[in-house]
Amino acid sequence: VRRDEKKARERAEWLMEYLNLTSVAGRGVG
């Protein structure tokens, strides 16, 4: 679980950078 959570967060961070979303990562989507 810990391994997959780490892998998932790393992939999510990479995808947000890829799609120019890093600056809004902590904001509510609404």
PDB file of all heavy atoms in Angstrom:
ATOM      1  N   VAL A   1       0.842  -1.196   0.000  1.00  0.00           N
ATOM      2  CA  VAL A   1       0.000   0.000   0.000  1.00  0.00           C
ATOM      3  C   VAL A   1       0.875   1.242   0.000  1.00  0.00           C
ATOM      4  O   VAL A   1       0.642   2.186  -0.772  1.00  0.00           O
ATOM      5  CB  VAL A   1      -0.945  -0.007   1.217  1.00  0.00           C
ATOM      6  CG1 VAL A   1      -1.683   1.325   1.319  1.00  0.00           C
ATOM      7  CG2 VAL A   1      -1.942  -1.150   1.108  1.00  0.00           C
ATOM      8  N   ARG A   2       1.883   1.263   0.868  1.00  0.00           N
ATOM      9  CA  ARG A   2       2.784   2.419   0.932  1.00  0.00           C
ATOM     10  C   ARG A   2       3.526   2.608  -0.390  1.00  0.00           C
ATOM     11  O   ARG A   2       3.678   3.732  -0.868  1.00  0.00           O
ATOM     12  CB  ARG A   2       3.784   2.250   2.076  1.00  0.00           C
ATOM     13  CG  ARG A   2       3.155   2.244   3.461  1.00  0.00           C
ATOM     14  CD  ARG A   2       4.183   2.539   4.535  1.00  0.00           C
ATOM     15  NE  ARG A   2       5.287   1.587   4.510  1.00  0.00           N
ATOM     16  CZ  ARG A   2       5.298   0.435   5.182  1.00  0.00           C
ATOM     17  NH1 ARG A   2       4.254   0.099   5.936  1.00  0.00           N
ATOM     18  NH2 ARG A   2       6.346  -0.363   5.122  1.00  0.00           N
ATOM     19  N   ARG A   3       3.949   1.479  -0.992  1.00  0.00           N
ATOM     20  CA  ARG A   3       4.662   1.559  -2.269  1.00  0.00           C
ATOM     21  C   ARG A   3       3.764   2.136  -3.361  1.00  0.00           C
ATOM     22  O   ARG A   3       4.169   3.019  -4.115  1.00  0.00           O
ATOM     23  CB  ARG A   3       5.133   0.161  -2.665  1.00  0.00           C
ATOM     24  CG  ARG A   3       5.896   0.096  -3.990  1.00  0.00           C
ATOM     25  CD  ARG A   3       5.888  -1.323  -4.531  1.00  0.00           C
ATOM     26  NE  ARG A   3       4.537  -1.742  -4.873  1.00  0.00           N
ATOM     27  CZ  ARG A   3       4.155  -3.017  -4.952  1.00  0.00           C
ATOM     28  NH1 ARG A   3       4.998  -3.992  -4.662  1.00  0.00           N
ATOM     29  NH2 ARG A   3       2.910  -3.316  -5.295  1.00  0.00           N
ATOM     30  N   ASP A   4       2.524   1.620  -3.434  1.00  0.00           N
ATOM     31  CA  ASP A   4       1.621   2.086  -4.491  1.00  0.00           C
ATOM     32  C   ASP A   4       1.175   3.532  -4.260  1.00  0.00           C
ATOM     33  O   ASP A   4       0.973   4.282  -5.222  1.00  0.00           O
ATOM     34  CB  ASP A   4       0.393   1.167  -4.578  1.00  0.00           C
ATOM     35  CG  ASP A   4       0.695  -0.135  -5.316  1.00  0.00           C
ATOM     36  OD1 ASP A   4       1.843  -0.296  -5.781  1.00  0.00           O
ATOM     37  OD2 ASP A   4      -0.208  -0.980  -5.430  1.00  0.00           O
ATOM     38  N   GLU A   5       1.019   3.924  -3.005  1.00  0.00           N
ATOM     39  CA  GLU A   5       0.656   5.316  -2.723  1.00  0.00           C
ATOM     40  C   GLU A   5       1.765   6.257  -3.176  1.00  0.00           C
ATOM     41  O   GLU A   5       1.493   7.320  -3.747  1.00  0.00           O
ATOM     42  CB  GLU A   5       0.377   5.488  -1.231  1.00  0.00           C
ATOM     43  CG  GLU A   5      -0.967   4.912  -0.793  1.00  0.00           C
ATOM     44  CD  GLU A   5      -1.206   5.110   0.688  1.00  0.00           C
ATOM     45  OE1 GLU A   5      -0.255   5.516   1.403  1.00  0.00           O
ATOM     46  OE2 GLU A   5      -2.333   4.851   1.143  1.00  0.00           O
ATOM     47  N   LYS A   6       3.009   5.875  -2.922  1.00  0.00           N
ATOM     48  CA  LYS A   6       4.153   6.690  -3.348  1.00  0.00           C
ATOM     49  C   LYS A   6       4.210   6.766  -4.872  1.00  0.00           C
ATOM     50  O   LYS A   6       4.395   7.844  -5.454  1.00  0.00           O
ATOM     51  CB  LYS A   6       5.448   6.096  -2.795  1.00  0.00           C
ATOM     52  CG  LYS A   6       6.706   6.890  -3.143  1.00  0.00           C
ATOM     53  CD  LYS A   6       7.921   6.270  -2.453  1.00  0.00           C
ATOM     54  CE  LYS A   6       9.185   7.091  -2.731  1.00  0.00           C
ATOM     55  NZ  LYS A   6       9.589   7.049  -4.151  1.00  0.00           N
ATOM     56  N   LYS A   7       4.020   5.601  -5.525  1.00  0.00           N
ATOM     57  CA  LYS A   7       4.041   5.555  -6.988  1.00  0.00           C
ATOM     58  C   LYS A   7       2.912   6.400  -7.579  1.00  0.00           C
ATOM     59  O   LYS A   7       3.118   7.133  -8.561  1.00  0.00           O
ATOM     60  CB  LYS A   7       3.913   4.101  -7.446  1.00  0.00           C
ATOM     61  CG  LYS A   7       3.913   3.900  -8.944  1.00  0.00           C
ATOM     62  CD  LYS A   7       3.760   2.423  -9.278  1.00  0.00           C
ATOM     63  CE  LYS A   7       3.656   2.216 -10.790  1.00  0.00           C
ATOM     64  NZ  LYS A   7       3.457   0.773 -11.124  1.00  0.00           N
ATOM     65  N   ALA A   8       1.726   6.316  -6.964  1.00  0.00           N
ATOM     66  CA  ALA A   8       0.575   7.064  -7.462  1.00  0.00           C
ATOM     67  C   ALA A   8       0.802   8.564  -7.334  1.00  0.00           C
ATOM     68  O   ALA A   8       0.496   9.334  -8.252  1.00  0.00           O
ATOM     69  CB  ALA A   8      -0.690   6.657  -6.708  1.00  0.00           C
ATOM     70  N   ARG A   9       1.341   8.996  -6.194  1.00  0.00           N
ATOM     71  CA  ARG A   9       1.568  10.430  -5.997  1.00  0.00           C
ATOM     72  C   ARG A   9       2.615  10.942  -6.981  1.00  0.00           C
ATOM     73  O   ARG A   9       2.468  12.045  -7.530  1.00  0.00           O
ATOM     74  CB  ARG A   9       2.002  10.708  -4.553  1.00  0.00           C
ATOM     75  CG  ARG A   9       2.154  12.179  -4.220  1.00  0.00           C
ATOM     76  CD  ARG A   9       2.123  12.403  -2.733  1.00  0.00           C
ATOM     77  NE  ARG A   9       0.788  12.181  -2.189  1.00  0.00           N
ATOM     78  CZ  ARG A   9      -0.164  13.105  -2.117  1.00  0.00           C
ATOM     79  NH1 ARG A   9       0.063  14.325  -2.580  1.00  0.00           N
ATOM     80  NH2 ARG A   9      -1.327  12.818  -1.596  1.00  0.00           N
ATOM     81  N   GLU A  10       3.653  10.156  -7.231  1.00  0.00           N
ATOM     82  CA  GLU A  10       4.684  10.570  -8.179  1.00  0.00           C
ATOM     83  C   GLU A  10       4.099  10.689  -9.591  1.00  0.00           C
ATOM     84  O   GLU A  10       4.402  11.631 -10.322  1.00  0.00           O
ATOM     85  CB  GLU A  10       5.846   9.569  -8.170  1.00  0.00           C
ATOM     86  CG  GLU A  10       6.697   9.637  -6.911  1.00  0.00           C
ATOM     87  CD  GLU A  10       7.731   8.527  -6.841  1.00  0.00           C
ATOM     88  OE1 GLU A  10       7.656   7.590  -7.681  1.00  0.00           O
ATOM     89  OE2 GLU A  10       8.603   8.574  -5.959  1.00  0.00           O
ATOM     90  N   ARG A  11       3.242   9.728  -9.969  1.00  0.00           N
ATOM     91  CA  ARG A  11       2.630   9.786 -11.298  1.00  0.00           C
ATOM     92  C   ARG A  11       1.665  10.970 -11.400  1.00  0.00           C
ATOM     93  O   ARG A  11       1.636  11.665 -12.422  1.00  0.00           O
ATOM     94  CB  ARG A  11       1.900   8.482 -11.610  1.00  0.00           C
ATOM     95  CG  ARG A  11       1.231   8.493 -12.989  1.00  0.00           C
ATOM     96  CD  ARG A  11       0.729   7.120 -13.410  1.00  0.00           C
ATOM     97  NE  ARG A  11       0.025   7.187 -14.680  1.00  0.00           N
ATOM     98  CZ  ARG A  11       0.591   7.218 -15.882  1.00  0.00           C
ATOM     99  NH1 ARG A  11       1.920   7.197 -15.972  1.00  0.00           N
ATOM    100  NH2 ARG A  11      -0.120   7.270 -16.990  1.00  0.00           N
ATOM    101  N   ALA A  12       0.893  11.198 -10.342  1.00  0.00           N
ATOM    102  CA  ALA A  12      -0.040  12.322 -10.350  1.00  0.00           C
ATOM    103  C   ALA A  12       0.704  13.644 -10.484  1.00  0.00           C
ATOM    104  O   ALA A  12       0.288  14.537 -11.232  1.00  0.00           O
ATOM    105  CB  ALA A  12      -0.891  12.304  -9.084  1.00  0.00           C
ATOM    106  N   GLU A  13       1.810  13.789  -9.770  1.00  0.00           N
ATOM    107  CA  GLU A  13       2.598  15.013  -9.850  1.00  0.00           C
ATOM    108  C   GLU A  13       3.158  15.201 -11.256  1.00  0.00           C
ATOM    109  O   GLU A  13       3.168  16.310 -11.792  1.00  0.00           O
ATOM    110  CB  GLU A  13       3.732  14.978  -8.821  1.00  0.00           C
ATOM    111  CG  GLU A  13       3.241  15.117  -7.381  1.00  0.00           C
ATOM    112  CD  GLU A  13       4.339  14.906  -6.369  1.00  0.00           C
ATOM    113  OE1 GLU A  13       5.443  14.428  -6.777  1.00  0.00           O
ATOM    114  OE2 GLU A  13       4.118  15.188  -5.173  1.00  0.00           O
ATOM    115  N   TRP A  14       3.606  14.091 -11.869  1.00  0.00           N
ATOM    116  CA  TRP A  14       4.148  14.170 -13.230  1.00  0.00           C
ATOM    117  C   TRP A  14       3.053  14.551 -14.224  1.00  0.00           C
ATOM    118  O   TRP A  14       3.267  15.386 -15.108  1.00  0.00           O
ATOM    119  CB  TRP A  14       4.765  12.824 -13.610  1.00  0.00           C
ATOM    120  CG  TRP A  14       5.408  12.860 -14.963  1.00  0.00           C
ATOM    121  CD1 TRP A  14       6.684  13.254 -15.252  1.00  0.00           C
ATOM    122  CD2 TRP A  14       4.788  12.530 -16.220  1.00  0.00           C
ATOM    123  NE1 TRP A  14       6.905  13.180 -16.609  1.00  0.00           N
ATOM    124  CE2 TRP A  14       5.767  12.740 -17.228  1.00  0.00           C
ATOM    125  CE3 TRP A  14       3.536  12.080 -16.581  1.00  0.00           C
ATOM    126  CZ2 TRP A  14       5.504  12.496 -18.581  1.00  0.00           C
ATOM    127  CZ3 TRP A  14       3.258  11.842 -17.924  1.00  0.00           C
ATOM    128  CH2 TRP A  14       4.238  12.047 -18.894  1.00  0.00           C
ATOM    129  N   LEU A  15       1.870  13.958 -14.075  1.00  0.00           N
ATOM    130  CA  LEU A  15       0.768  14.260 -14.981  1.00  0.00           C
ATOM    131  C   LEU A  15       0.318  15.712 -14.848  1.00  0.00           C
ATOM    132  O   LEU A  15      -0.006  16.365 -15.847  1.00  0.00           O
ATOM    133  CB  LEU A  15      -0.413  13.317 -14.706  1.00  0.00           C
ATOM    134  CG  LEU A  15      -0.294  11.911 -15.283  1.00  0.00           C
ATOM    135  CD1 LEU A  15      -1.371  11.005 -14.711  1.00  0.00           C
ATOM    136  CD2 LEU A  15      -0.380  11.941 -16.804  1.00  0.00           C
ATOM    137  N   MET A  16       0.296  16.207 -13.624  1.00  0.00           N
ATOM    138  CA  MET A  16      -0.108  17.602 -13.433  1.00  0.00           C
ATOM    139  C   MET A  16       0.905  18.562 -14.049  1.00  0.00           C
ATOM    140  O   MET A  16       0.536  19.596 -14.598  1.00  0.00           O
ATOM    141  CB  MET A  16      -0.332  17.886 -11.954  1.00  0.00           C
ATOM    142  CG  MET A  16      -1.623  17.247 -11.439  1.00  0.00           C
ATOM    143  SD  MET A  16      -2.096  17.809  -9.787  1.00  0.00           S
ATOM    144  CE  MET A  16      -0.767  17.131  -8.831  1.00  0.00           C
ATOM    145  N   GLU A  17       2.179  18.199 -13.993  1.00  0.00           N
ATOM    146  CA  GLU A  17       3.184  19.021 -14.666  1.00  0.00           C
ATOM    147  C   GLU A  17       2.998  18.937 -16.184  1.00  0.00           C
ATOM    148  O   GLU A  17       3.081  19.950 -16.888  1.00  0.00           O
ATOM    149  CB  GLU A  17       4.588  18.561 -14.269  1.00  0.00           C
ATOM    150  CG  GLU A  17       5.698  19.399 -14.885  1.00  0.00           C
ATOM    151  CD  GLU A  17       7.078  18.983 -14.421  1.00  0.00           C
ATOM    152  OE1 GLU A  17       7.186  18.094 -13.561  1.00  0.00           O
ATOM    153  OE2 GLU A  17       8.060  19.554 -14.941  1.00  0.00           O
ATOM    154  N   TYR A  18       2.741  17.738 -16.684  1.00  0.00           N
ATOM    155  CA  TYR A  18       2.546  17.507 -18.122  1.00  0.00           C
ATOM    156  C   TYR A  18       1.379  18.327 -18.654  1.00  0.00           C
ATOM    157  O   TYR A  18       1.430  18.847 -19.777  1.00  0.00           O
ATOM    158  CB  TYR A  18       2.300  16.006 -18.340  1.00  0.00           C
ATOM    159  CG  TYR A  18       2.154  15.572 -19.780  1.00  0.00           C
ATOM    160  CD1 TYR A  18       3.274  15.186 -20.520  1.00  0.00           C
ATOM    161  CD2 TYR A  18       0.911  15.521 -20.403  1.00  0.00           C
ATOM    162  CE1 TYR A  18       3.162  14.773 -21.835  1.00  0.00           C
ATOM    163  CE2 TYR A  18       0.782  15.108 -21.721  1.00  0.00           C
ATOM    164  CZ  TYR A  18       1.905  14.731 -22.431  1.00  0.00           C
ATOM    165  OH  TYR A  18       1.792  14.323 -23.741  1.00  0.00           O
ATOM    166  N   LEU A  19       0.311  18.460 -17.847  1.00  0.00           N
ATOM    167  CA  LEU A  19      -0.902  19.157 -18.276  1.00  0.00           C
ATOM    168  C   LEU A  19      -1.016  20.566 -17.680  1.00  0.00           C
ATOM    169  O   LEU A  19      -2.090  21.159 -17.674  1.00  0.00           O
ATOM    170  CB  LEU A  19      -2.133  18.325 -17.899  1.00  0.00           C
ATOM    171  CG  LEU A  19      -2.267  17.003 -18.664  1.00  0.00           C
ATOM    172  CD1 LEU A  19      -3.358  16.128 -18.057  1.00  0.00           C
ATOM    173  CD2 LEU A  19      -2.559  17.264 -20.134  1.00  0.00           C
ATOM    174  N   ASN A  20       0.108  21.081 -17.174  1.00  0.00           N
ATOM    175  CA  ASN A  20       0.164  22.452 -16.637  1.00  0.00           C
ATOM    176  C   ASN A  20      -0.850  22.676 -15.505  1.00  0.00           C
ATOM    177  O   ASN A  20      -1.567  23.687 -15.470  1.00  0.00           O
ATOM    178  CB  ASN A  20      -0.070  23.470 -17.758  1.00  0.00           C
ATOM    179  CG  ASN A  20       0.999  23.430 -18.829  1.00  0.00           C
ATOM    180  OD1 ASN A  20       2.183  23.309 -18.522  1.00  0.00           O
ATOM    181  ND2 ASN A  20       0.595  23.501 -20.085  1.00  0.00           N
ATOM    182  N   LEU A  21      -0.888  21.743 -14.575  1.00  0.00           N
ATOM    183  CA  LEU A  21      -1.814  21.832 -13.453  1.00  0.00           C
ATOM    184  C   LEU A  21      -1.101  21.970 -12.106  1.00  0.00           C
ATOM    185  O   LEU A  21      -1.759  22.072 -11.071  1.00  0.00           O
ATOM    186  CB  LEU A  21      -2.707  20.581 -13.411  1.00  0.00           C
ATOM    187  CG  LEU A  21      -3.698  20.409 -14.569  1.00  0.00           C
ATOM    188  CD1 LEU A  21      -4.292  18.998 -14.544  1.00  0.00           C
ATOM    189  CD2 LEU A  21      -4.799  21.455 -14.505  1.00  0.00           C
ATOM    190  N   THR A  22       0.216  21.973 -12.114  1.00  0.00           N
ATOM    191  CA  THR A  22       0.973  21.974 -10.862  1.00  0.00           C
ATOM    192  C   THR A  22       0.612  23.164  -9.978  1.00  0.00           C
ATOM    193  O   THR A  22       0.488  23.033  -8.751  1.00  0.00           O
ATOM    194  CB  THR A  22       2.488  21.978 -11.152  1.00  0.00           C
ATOM    195  OG1 THR A  22       2.817  20.836 -11.944  1.00  0.00           O
ATOM    196  CG2 THR A  22       3.287  21.933  -9.858  1.00  0.00           C
ATOM    197  N   SER A  23       0.392  24.305 -10.579  1.00  0.00           N
ATOM    198  CA  SER A  23       0.135  25.517  -9.794  1.00  0.00           C
ATOM    199  C   SER A  23      -1.204  25.485  -9.072  1.00  0.00           C
ATOM    200  O   SER A  23      -1.432  26.278  -8.145  1.00  0.00           O
ATOM    201  CB  SER A  23       0.189  26.757 -10.700  1.00  0.00           C
ATOM    202  OG  SER A  23      -0.824  26.703 -11.689  1.00  0.00           O
ATOM    203  N   VAL A  24      -2.114  24.586  -9.479  1.00  0.00           N
ATOM    204  CA  VAL A  24      -3.435  24.519  -8.836  1.00  0.00           C
ATOM    205  C   VAL A  24      -3.634  23.199  -8.087  1.00  0.00           C
ATOM    206  O   VAL A  24      -4.751  22.861  -7.705  1.00  0.00           O
ATOM    207  CB  VAL A  24      -4.567  24.715  -9.868  1.00  0.00           C
ATOM    208  CG1 VAL A  24      -4.495  26.098 -10.489  1.00  0.00           C
ATOM    209  CG2 VAL A  24      -4.540  23.638 -10.948  1.00  0.00           C
ATOM    210  N   ALA A  25      -2.553  22.461  -7.834  1.00  0.00           N
ATOM    211  CA  ALA A  25      -2.653  21.118  -7.254  1.00  0.00           C
ATOM    212  C   ALA A  25      -3.435  21.080  -5.950  1.00  0.00           C
ATOM    213  O   ALA A  25      -4.186  20.134  -5.685  1.00  0.00           O
ATOM    214  CB  ALA A  25      -1.255  20.535  -7.036  1.00  0.00           C
ATOM    215  N   GLY A  26      -3.294  22.113  -5.116  1.00  0.00           N
ATOM    216  CA  GLY A  26      -3.950  22.106  -3.820  1.00  0.00           C
ATOM    217  C   GLY A  26      -5.283  22.828  -3.778  1.00  0.00           C
ATOM    218  O   GLY A  26      -5.918  22.899  -2.720  1.00  0.00           O
ATOM    219  N   ARG A  27      -5.734  23.316  -4.914  1.00  0.00           N
ATOM    220  CA  ARG A  27      -6.977  24.090  -4.928  1.00  0.00           C
ATOM    221  C   ARG A  27      -8.191  23.197  -5.150  1.00  0.00           C
ATOM    222  O   ARG A  27      -8.110  22.139  -5.787  1.00  0.00           O
ATOM    223  CB  ARG A  27      -6.916  25.162  -6.017  1.00  0.00           C
ATOM    224  CG  ARG A  27      -5.908  26.262  -5.719  1.00  0.00           C
ATOM    225  CD  ARG A  27      -5.847  27.289  -6.832  1.00  0.00           C
ATOM    226  NE  ARG A  27      -7.126  27.957  -7.052  1.00  0.00           N
ATOM    227  CZ  ARG A  27      -7.314  28.894  -7.971  1.00  0.00           C
ATOM    228  NH1 ARG A  27      -6.308  29.262  -8.757  1.00  0.00           N
ATOM    229  NH2 ARG A  27      -8.497  29.467  -8.119  1.00  0.00           N
ATOM    230  N   GLY A  28      -9.340  23.604  -4.648  1.00  0.00           N
ATOM    231  CA  GLY A  28     -10.571  22.882  -4.886  1.00  0.00           C
ATOM    232  C   GLY A  28     -10.983  23.005  -6.342  1.00  0.00           C
ATOM    233  O   GLY A  28     -10.877  24.093  -6.927  1.00  0.00           O
ATOM    234  N   VAL A  29     -11.468  21.925  -6.938  1.00  0.00           N
ATOM    235  CA  VAL A  29     -11.768  21.960  -8.369  1.00  0.00           C
ATOM    236  C   VAL A  29     -12.950  22.877  -8.685  1.00  0.00           C
ATOM    237  O   VAL A  29     -13.054  23.415  -9.791  1.00  0.00           O
ATOM    238  CB  VAL A  29     -12.034  20.541  -8.915  1.00  0.00           C
ATOM    239  CG1 VAL A  29     -10.796  19.667  -8.764  1.00  0.00           C
ATOM    240  CG2 VAL A  29     -13.229  19.885  -8.223  1.00  0.00           C
ATOM    241  N   GLY A  30     -13.856  23.075  -7.706  1.00  0.00           N
ATOM    242  CA  GLY A  30     -15.036  23.884  -7.955  1.00  0.00           C
ATOM    243  C   GLY A  30     -14.750  25.337  -8.217  1.00  0.00           C
ATOM    244  O   GLY A  30     -15.569  26.045  -8.810  1.00  0.00           O
TER     245      GLY A  30
END
